[in-house]
Amino acid sequence: MKILLIQHYNFLNGSGGTEKICTFIANGLAGLGHEIEIATHQNIKGKPVFSLKSNIRVTNIFDENTSQIELKPVFNYTGSNPLKWIFYKIQKKITKKENRELIKKFGGADGLFKYNLRSRASKWKRYIEIQRPDLIITMSIGSLLEITFENEYKIPIVNSVNGRPDYDYSDILWYRSPFEIALLKNAYRYLAGIQVLFESYKEFLPETFNGKTEVIPNPVPQFKKQDLVNHNRTKDIYKIINIGTLASDCKQQHLAIEAFAAVSEKYPDWELHFWGEGNDFNFLNNKIKMHKLQNRIFLNGFTNDPISKLKDADIFIFPSKYEGFPLALTEAVSSGLPALGFSACSGVNELIDHNQNGFLAKDATELTMYLEKLINDADLRSEMGRNGHLKMKQFAPESIIADWDSFLKTLQIKL
């Protein structure tokens, strides 16, 4: 089967969960004998971060001749030169006026959005007609909208959902205009099938979807028993770890800092380590300085070997506000770490079984309480680590890709 995976944005140079899952699906299906191509549309030079099999093609269909009308960026001067302040103040007013006139020319912001989307969708249509795949997998509803807007295909299209489905077409996580929400919801009509991560996520699909739904979780690395974190060894320094993008509105690493700061004086042989990059580095660094814990809490940056960092740790703390199927959490639990998260967080509350492989806190106070409980009890950490390791066996990569293969073949036969 010739399969085209489409991640219209961020695949090149991207190291997030969607990029990792796109790579996994591509490699897995290629290993089963399918012809695989990944397509993106990015105005950058770059390459995939995660390794792909040599027979998988990656195509960036970006063309500078594809008409796109962009608003001019508004610059805010932050210096102290009064003459420059006046100059940029005037320039800002001029730019805002030009942007308003441009938006008016297209009948409003929705009209401009529609114009740009139509141009990109037309480019996708021409590309797909040349490729003639047997099946298309879109890696987001945004990618689905990119290829289907004002287009029709006789090719079955499947969407891979990397989060709770309603996050993709609503304004729950960030602002989307009613116009954009309506377009995203309508795009579901083009789907022959959709993959969701948990059974409970089915209820979050929109009423516009009429295809087949299949529950296929994300893959989780598996570890041999002898390779699990050893909680019975004596160490000079014990580590609490968090891996994720530094984004406080979602990942809420500041709550992990507050929880550790509340108990840090009692446990001088414990440290808190963050691995990941993001826009909130300065915000979190200031939090650390405020608590005078620069020698106990560390923002370590990006790691290309998260498994080794997990195996060197003792507790995984993951205070996210919302998630889909958090890969860092599953890797931590699979490696034998007890995990801490919030009971209200989607995905996290599916993967952490309270009192079994970790704790689900109702609020920041409970997060601190459960953290201290794990710090004080190596036997509990060990027991929860073993329980988590066993729970993750159901997500073995070979089983997940077999489920994907079976699902796609069913849709191809049906159509």
Protein backbone atom coordinates (compact mmCIF):
# COMPACT_ATOMS: atom_id res chain seq x y z
CA MET A 1 0.00 0.00 0.00
CA LYS A 2 1.26 3.49 -0.86
CA ILE A 3 0.66 5.65 2.21
CA LEU A 4 1.13 9.40 2.46
CA LEU A 5 1.55 10.91 5.93
CA ILE A 6 0.88 14.63 6.12
CA GLN A 7 2.12 16.85 8.92
CA HIS A 8 1.77 20.26 7.33
CA TYR A 9 3.75 22.11 9.98
CA ASN A 10 6.70 21.52 12.35
CA PHE A 11 7.85 18.12 11.05
CA LEU A 12 11.18 19.53 9.85
CA ASN A 13 13.34 20.44 12.87
CA GLY A 14 10.50 19.51 15.25
CA SER A 15 11.15 17.30 18.28
CA GLY A 16 7.69 17.17 19.86
CA GLY A 17 5.25 14.34 20.39
CA THR A 18 3.53 14.67 17.00
CA GLU A 19 6.85 14.47 15.17
CA LYS A 20 7.87 11.43 17.21
CA ILE A 21 4.58 9.61 16.52
CA CYS A 22 4.65 10.52 12.82
CA THR A 23 8.13 9.00 12.62
CA PHE A 24 7.02 5.91 14.53
CA ILE A 25 4.03 5.28 12.25
CA ALA A 26 6.13 5.85 9.13
CA ASN A 27 8.95 3.54 10.24
CA GLY A 28 6.56 0.87 11.48
CA LEU A 29 4.44 0.77 8.33
CA ALA A 30 7.54 0.85 6.12
CA GLY A 31 8.85 -2.13 8.07
CA LEU A 32 5.67 -4.01 7.17
CA GLY A 33 6.28 -3.45 3.47
CA HIS A 34 4.23 -0.30 2.77
CA GLU A 35 5.56 2.49 0.56
CA ILE A 36 5.75 5.58 2.77
CA GLU A 37 6.14 9.28 2.11
CA ILE A 38 5.88 12.14 4.62
CA ALA A 39 4.85 15.57 3.33
CA THR A 40 5.03 18.96 5.01
CA HIS A 41 4.64 22.62 4.06
CA GLN A 42 7.23 24.73 5.87
CA ASN A 43 9.04 27.91 4.88
CA ILE A 44 12.31 26.71 6.40
CA LYS A 45 15.30 24.57 5.63
CA GLY A 46 15.79 21.55 7.84
CA LYS A 47 15.39 17.85 8.28
CA PRO A 48 13.52 15.42 10.54
CA VAL A 49 14.88 15.22 14.08
CA PHE A 50 13.94 11.58 14.60
CA SER A 51 15.56 8.86 12.49
CA LEU A 52 13.63 7.48 9.52
CA LYS A 53 14.20 4.33 7.51
CA SER A 54 16.22 5.00 4.37
CA ASN A 55 13.35 4.10 2.02
CA ILE A 56 11.00 6.74 3.47
CA ARG A 57 10.75 9.96 1.46
CA VAL A 58 10.24 13.35 3.10
CA THR A 59 8.89 16.12 0.87
CA ASN A 60 8.48 19.79 1.72
CA ILE A 61 5.96 21.14 -0.80
CA PHE A 62 6.56 24.77 0.17
CA ASP A 63 6.73 27.03 -2.85
CA GLU A 64 7.50 30.72 -2.48
CA ASN A 65 5.26 31.35 -5.48
CA THR A 66 2.20 30.11 -3.56
CA SER A 67 0.35 33.32 -2.77
CA GLN A 68 0.27 34.12 0.95
CA ILE A 69 -0.70 37.55 2.29
CA GLU A 70 0.81 38.21 5.72
CA LEU A 71 0.18 41.05 8.12
CA LYS A 72 3.21 43.18 8.90
CA PRO A 73 4.75 42.51 12.33
CA VAL A 74 4.30 45.22 14.94
CA PHE A 75 7.54 46.16 16.69
CA ASN A 76 7.58 47.34 20.30
CA TYR A 77 10.69 49.35 21.18
CA THR A 78 12.01 48.50 24.66
CA GLY A 79 15.12 50.66 24.72
CA SER A 80 15.72 53.95 26.54
CA ASN A 81 16.53 56.26 23.60
CA PRO A 82 13.68 58.85 23.48
CA LEU A 83 14.18 59.62 19.76
CA LYS A 84 13.99 55.94 18.85
CA TRP A 85 10.94 55.56 21.08
CA ILE A 86 9.16 58.32 19.14
CA PHE A 87 10.25 56.86 15.78
CA TYR A 88 9.04 53.36 16.59
CA LYS A 89 5.84 54.70 18.15
CA ILE A 90 5.00 56.41 14.85
CA GLN A 91 6.09 53.34 12.87
CA LYS A 92 3.85 51.14 14.99
CA LYS A 93 0.82 53.33 14.25
CA ILE A 94 1.60 53.27 10.53
CA THR A 95 1.97 49.46 10.54
CA LYS A 96 -1.30 48.98 12.42
CA LYS A 97 -3.10 51.22 9.92
CA GLU A 98 -1.66 49.28 6.97
CA ASN A 99 -2.71 45.99 8.57
CA ARG A 100 -6.26 47.26 9.13
CA GLU A 101 -6.49 48.32 5.50
CA LEU A 102 -5.20 44.94 4.33
CA ILE A 103 -7.72 43.06 6.47
CA LYS A 104 -10.49 45.33 5.17
CA LYS A 105 -9.44 44.57 1.59
CA PHE A 106 -10.15 40.85 2.18
CA GLY A 107 -13.45 41.45 3.91
CA GLY A 108 -12.09 40.92 7.41
CA ALA A 109 -9.64 38.62 9.21
CA ASP A 110 -11.67 35.54 8.25
CA GLY A 111 -11.48 36.49 4.60
CA LEU A 112 -7.70 36.83 4.76
CA PHE A 113 -7.44 33.48 6.56
CA LYS A 114 -9.60 31.86 3.88
CA TYR A 115 -7.58 33.37 1.03
CA ASN A 116 -4.29 32.00 2.38
CA LEU A 117 -5.79 28.61 3.21
CA ARG A 118 -7.26 28.29 -0.29
CA SER A 119 -3.84 28.92 -1.85
CA ARG A 120 -2.16 26.27 0.28
CA ALA A 121 -4.99 23.77 -0.22
CA SER A 122 -4.70 24.18 -3.99
CA LYS A 123 -0.98 23.39 -3.75
CA TRP A 124 -1.75 20.28 -1.68
CA LYS A 125 -4.37 19.13 -4.21
CA ARG A 126 -1.90 19.26 -7.10
CA TYR A 127 0.76 17.42 -5.09
CA ILE A 128 -1.59 14.64 -3.93
CA GLU A 129 -2.95 14.10 -7.44
CA ILE A 130 0.60 13.54 -8.68
CA GLN A 131 1.49 11.16 -5.83
CA ARG A 132 -1.74 9.13 -6.11
CA PRO A 133 -1.43 7.39 -2.70
CA ASP A 134 -3.72 4.53 -1.72
CA LEU A 135 -4.35 6.14 1.67
CA ILE A 136 -3.57 9.38 3.50
CA ILE A 137 -2.84 9.79 7.21
CA THR A 138 -3.08 13.35 8.53
CA MET A 139 -1.22 14.02 11.76
CA SER A 140 -3.65 16.70 12.94
CA ILE A 141 -7.03 18.17 12.07
CA GLY A 142 -5.10 21.27 11.00
CA SER A 143 -3.31 19.13 8.40
CA LEU A 144 -6.64 17.61 7.38
CA LEU A 145 -8.07 21.09 6.80
CA GLU A 146 -4.99 22.08 4.78
CA ILE A 147 -5.58 19.36 2.19
CA THR A 148 -9.40 19.20 2.11
CA PHE A 149 -10.44 22.85 2.08
CA GLU A 150 -12.58 23.23 -1.06
CA ASN A 151 -11.07 19.94 -2.33
CA GLU A 152 -12.51 16.48 -2.90
CA TYR A 153 -10.59 13.18 -2.87
CA LYS A 154 -11.50 9.59 -3.64
CA ILE A 155 -8.62 8.48 -1.43
CA PRO A 156 -9.47 7.31 2.11
CA ILE A 157 -8.15 9.72 4.72
CA VAL A 158 -7.37 8.77 8.33
CA ASN A 159 -6.49 11.20 11.09
CA SER A 160 -4.08 10.45 13.91
CA VAL A 161 -5.12 12.26 17.08
CA ASN A 162 -2.20 13.17 19.32
CA GLY A 163 -4.34 14.54 22.14
CA ARG A 164 -7.89 14.72 23.40
CA PRO A 165 -9.93 15.22 20.21
CA ASP A 166 -11.72 18.41 21.21
CA TYR A 167 -8.39 20.18 21.69
CA ASP A 168 -8.05 20.05 17.87
CA TYR A 169 -11.20 21.92 16.89
CA SER A 170 -12.14 24.12 19.86
CA ASP A 171 -10.75 27.14 21.69
CA ILE A 172 -10.18 25.25 24.94
CA LEU A 173 -6.40 25.56 24.79
CA TRP A 174 -5.97 28.80 22.84
CA TYR A 175 -8.02 31.28 20.87
CA ARG A 176 -9.59 30.14 17.62
CA SER A 177 -12.15 32.28 15.85
CA PRO A 178 -15.66 30.86 15.39
CA PHE A 179 -14.90 30.84 11.65
CA GLU A 180 -11.80 28.66 12.09
CA ILE A 181 -13.62 26.33 14.50
CA ALA A 182 -16.39 25.84 11.93
CA LEU A 183 -13.83 25.01 9.23
CA LEU A 184 -12.03 22.51 11.47
CA LYS A 185 -15.27 20.78 12.44
CA ASN A 186 -16.36 20.55 8.83
CA ALA A 187 -13.03 18.91 7.90
CA TYR A 188 -14.03 15.81 9.89
CA ARG A 189 -16.59 15.01 7.17
CA TYR A 190 -13.73 14.02 4.86
CA LEU A 191 -12.43 11.29 7.17
CA ALA A 192 -12.92 7.60 6.51
CA GLY A 193 -11.50 6.87 9.93
CA ILE A 194 -9.88 8.35 12.99
CA GLN A 195 -7.53 6.97 15.63
CA VAL A 196 -7.99 8.04 19.24
CA LEU A 197 -5.69 7.32 22.15
CA PHE A 198 -8.16 6.17 24.81
CA GLU A 199 -11.68 4.76 24.78
CA SER A 200 -12.84 7.75 26.84
CA TYR A 201 -11.67 10.13 24.10
CA LYS A 202 -14.39 8.94 21.70
CA GLU A 203 -16.93 11.16 23.42
CA PHE A 204 -14.91 14.26 22.48
CA LEU A 205 -15.28 13.77 18.71
CA PRO A 206 -17.51 16.35 16.96
CA GLU A 207 -20.93 15.52 15.56
CA THR A 208 -19.58 16.13 12.04
CA PHE A 209 -17.47 12.94 12.13
CA ASN A 210 -19.15 9.91 10.55
CA GLY A 211 -16.23 7.56 9.91
CA LYS A 212 -14.81 4.60 11.77
CA THR A 213 -13.14 5.14 15.16
CA GLU A 214 -10.29 2.98 16.40
CA VAL A 215 -8.57 3.15 19.77
CA ILE A 216 -4.82 2.87 19.23
CA PRO A 217 -2.57 4.22 22.01
CA ASN A 218 0.88 5.62 21.47
CA PRO A 219 3.86 3.26 21.68
CA VAL A 220 5.90 3.07 24.86
CA PRO A 221 9.52 1.82 25.06
CA GLN A 222 9.82 -1.46 26.91
CA PHE A 223 12.59 -2.30 29.40
CA LYS A 224 13.93 -5.54 30.75
CA LYS A 225 13.47 -6.11 34.46
CA GLN A 226 17.19 -5.76 35.14
CA ASP A 227 17.23 -2.38 33.39
CA LEU A 228 14.59 -0.74 35.57
CA VAL A 229 15.41 2.08 37.96
CA ASN A 230 16.91 0.62 41.13
CA HIS A 231 15.27 2.32 44.11
CA ASN A 232 17.14 0.27 46.70
CA ARG A 233 20.60 1.66 46.07
CA THR A 234 22.09 4.32 48.34
CA LYS A 235 23.03 7.53 46.54
CA ASP A 236 24.70 10.79 47.42
CA ILE A 237 22.09 12.70 45.41
CA TYR A 238 18.51 11.66 44.59
CA LYS A 239 16.71 13.26 41.67
CA ILE A 240 13.18 14.36 40.89
CA ILE A 241 12.84 14.82 37.15
CA ASN A 242 10.53 16.45 34.64
CA ILE A 243 10.88 16.21 30.86
CA GLY A 244 8.86 18.50 28.61
CA THR A 245 8.62 21.82 26.83
CA LEU A 246 9.08 24.73 29.21
CA ALA A 247 5.55 26.09 28.87
CA SER A 248 3.92 27.03 32.14
CA ASP A 249 0.43 27.47 30.74
CA CYS A 250 0.38 23.76 29.84
CA LYS A 251 3.22 21.89 31.55
CA GLN A 252 3.07 23.97 34.75
CA GLN A 253 6.67 23.31 35.76
CA HIS A 254 6.40 26.23 38.18
CA LEU A 255 4.16 24.06 40.36
CA ALA A 256 6.89 21.42 40.54
CA ILE A 257 9.31 24.14 41.65
CA GLU A 258 6.90 25.31 44.35
CA ALA A 259 6.30 21.76 45.60
CA PHE A 260 10.01 21.01 45.83
CA ALA A 261 10.79 24.38 47.42
CA ALA A 262 8.25 23.66 50.16
CA VAL A 263 10.15 20.55 51.33
CA SER A 264 13.70 21.13 50.08
CA GLU A 265 15.20 22.18 53.42
CA LYS A 266 14.22 18.84 54.99
CA TYR A 267 15.83 16.80 52.21
CA PRO A 268 19.26 18.28 51.33
CA ASP A 269 20.28 15.20 49.32
CA TRP A 270 17.45 15.69 46.77
CA GLU A 271 17.49 17.78 43.58
CA LEU A 272 14.91 18.77 40.96
CA HIS A 273 15.93 18.51 37.29
CA PHE A 274 14.08 19.81 34.23
CA TRP A 275 14.93 18.64 30.73
CA GLY A 276 13.49 20.56 27.79
CA GLU A 277 13.45 23.92 26.09
CA GLY A 278 10.75 26.54 25.76
CA ASN A 279 9.64 30.15 26.02
CA ASP A 280 9.25 30.06 29.79
CA PHE A 281 12.92 29.48 30.65
CA ASN A 282 13.34 32.95 32.16
CA PHE A 283 10.07 32.74 34.10
CA LEU A 284 11.07 29.42 35.66
CA ASN A 285 14.64 30.54 36.26
CA ASN A 286 13.36 33.54 38.18
CA LYS A 287 11.18 31.23 40.28
CA ILE A 288 14.26 29.19 41.15
CA LYS A 289 16.22 32.32 42.07
CA MET A 290 13.34 33.60 44.18
CA HIS A 291 13.57 30.45 46.31
CA LYS A 292 17.42 30.65 46.28
CA LEU A 293 17.63 27.08 45.01
CA GLN A 294 19.98 27.54 42.03
CA ASN A 295 22.18 24.76 43.42
CA ARG A 296 19.23 22.37 43.88
CA ILE A 297 16.93 23.00 40.88
CA PHE A 298 18.33 22.83 37.36
CA LEU A 299 17.02 23.83 33.92
CA ASN A 300 19.21 21.53 31.86
CA GLY A 301 17.91 22.22 28.35
CA PHE A 302 17.30 19.74 25.56
CA THR A 303 18.43 16.11 25.78
CA ASN A 304 18.63 13.66 22.90
CA ASP A 305 18.86 10.79 25.39
CA PRO A 306 15.88 11.12 27.76
CA ILE A 307 15.99 7.44 28.75
CA SER A 308 19.41 7.80 30.40
CA LYS A 309 18.12 10.83 32.35
CA LEU A 310 15.10 8.85 33.56
CA LYS A 311 17.22 5.90 34.68
CA ASP A 312 19.36 8.26 36.73
CA ALA A 313 16.28 9.67 38.51
CA ASP A 314 14.08 8.56 41.42
CA ILE A 315 10.73 10.35 40.98
CA PHE A 316 8.98 11.69 37.88
CA ILE A 317 6.91 14.82 38.48
CA PHE A 318 4.50 15.88 35.74
CA PRO A 319 2.11 18.66 36.86
CA SER A 320 0.57 19.36 33.43
CA LYS A 321 -2.79 21.08 33.08
CA TYR A 322 -3.73 19.15 29.94
CA GLU A 323 -2.17 16.38 27.85
CA GLY A 324 -3.11 13.84 25.21
CA PHE A 325 -0.94 10.77 25.67
CA PRO A 326 2.23 12.19 27.24
CA LEU A 327 5.21 10.26 25.89
CA ALA A 328 7.65 11.51 28.54
CA LEU A 329 5.33 10.26 31.28
CA THR A 330 4.93 6.81 29.72
CA GLU A 331 8.68 6.46 29.23
CA ALA A 332 9.27 7.40 32.85
CA VAL A 333 6.68 4.94 34.16
CA SER A 334 7.93 2.18 31.85
CA SER A 335 11.48 2.66 33.15
CA GLY A 336 10.34 2.09 36.73
CA LEU A 337 9.79 5.59 38.10
CA PRO A 338 6.79 6.44 40.28
CA ALA A 339 4.93 9.40 38.80
CA LEU A 340 3.13 12.44 40.16
CA GLY A 341 0.44 14.33 38.25
CA PHE A 342 -2.95 15.99 38.55
CA SER A 343 -6.20 14.05 38.58
CA ALA A 344 -7.91 16.63 36.34
CA CYS A 345 -5.31 16.36 33.58
CA SER A 346 -6.44 14.40 30.51
CA GLY A 347 -4.09 11.62 29.53
CA VAL A 348 -2.22 11.79 32.83
CA ASN A 349 -5.29 10.51 34.69
CA GLU A 350 -5.45 7.58 32.24
CA LEU A 351 -1.81 6.56 32.68
CA ILE A 352 -1.26 7.09 36.40
CA ASP A 353 -3.28 4.72 38.56
CA HIS A 354 -3.59 6.49 41.91
CA ASN A 355 -1.82 4.61 44.71
CA GLN A 356 -0.59 2.00 42.21
CA ASN A 357 2.10 3.45 39.97
CA GLY A 358 2.04 6.97 41.35
CA PHE A 359 -0.23 9.64 42.77
CA LEU A 360 -2.88 11.89 41.23
CA ALA A 361 -3.12 15.13 43.17
CA LYS A 362 -6.23 17.28 43.32
CA ASP A 363 -4.24 20.49 43.78
CA ALA A 364 -0.79 21.95 44.46
CA THR A 365 -1.03 21.17 48.19
CA GLU A 366 -1.59 17.48 47.50
CA LEU A 367 1.19 17.51 44.93
CA THR A 368 3.61 18.62 47.64
CA MET A 369 2.23 16.06 50.10
CA TYR A 370 2.61 13.15 47.66
CA LEU A 371 6.08 14.31 46.62
CA GLU A 372 7.24 14.21 50.23
CA LYS A 373 5.63 10.79 50.70
CA LEU A 374 7.68 9.37 47.81
CA ILE A 375 10.87 11.09 48.97
CA ASN A 376 10.49 9.39 52.36
CA ASP A 377 9.79 5.86 51.15
CA ALA A 378 12.19 4.03 48.84
CA ASP A 379 10.17 0.81 49.12
CA LEU A 380 7.04 2.64 47.94
CA ARG A 381 8.99 4.12 45.02
CA SER A 382 10.20 0.66 44.10
CA GLU A 383 6.74 -0.93 44.32
CA MET A 384 5.11 1.81 42.28
CA GLY A 385 7.92 1.64 39.75
CA ARG A 386 7.34 -2.09 39.22
CA ASN A 387 3.58 -1.57 38.90
CA GLY A 388 4.07 1.12 36.30
CA HIS A 389 6.50 -1.00 34.32
CA LEU A 390 3.91 -3.78 34.10
CA LYS A 391 1.12 -1.36 33.11
CA MET A 392 3.13 -0.07 30.17
CA LYS A 393 3.53 -3.55 28.63
CA GLN A 394 0.14 -3.11 26.91
CA PHE A 395 1.69 -0.31 24.84
CA ALA A 396 4.55 -2.32 23.29
CA PRO A 397 5.52 -0.71 19.94
CA GLU A 398 5.15 -3.89 17.88
CA SER A 399 1.56 -4.31 19.07
CA ILE A 400 0.70 -0.67 18.36
CA ILE A 401 2.00 -0.72 14.78
CA ALA A 402 0.19 -4.02 14.14
CA ASP A 403 -3.04 -2.32 15.24
CA TRP A 404 -2.33 0.57 12.87
CA ASP A 405 -1.69 -1.80 9.98
CA SER A 406 -4.90 -3.73 10.63
CA PHE A 407 -6.97 -0.53 10.92
CA LEU A 408 -5.65 0.93 7.66
CA LYS A 409 -6.18 -2.28 5.71
CA THR A 410 -9.76 -2.47 6.96
CA LEU A 411 -10.44 1.05 5.70
CA GLN A 412 -8.84 0.41 2.34
CA ILE A 413 -10.90 -2.75 1.78
CA LYS A 414 -14.08 -1.00 2.91
CA LEU A 415 -13.59 1.86 0.48
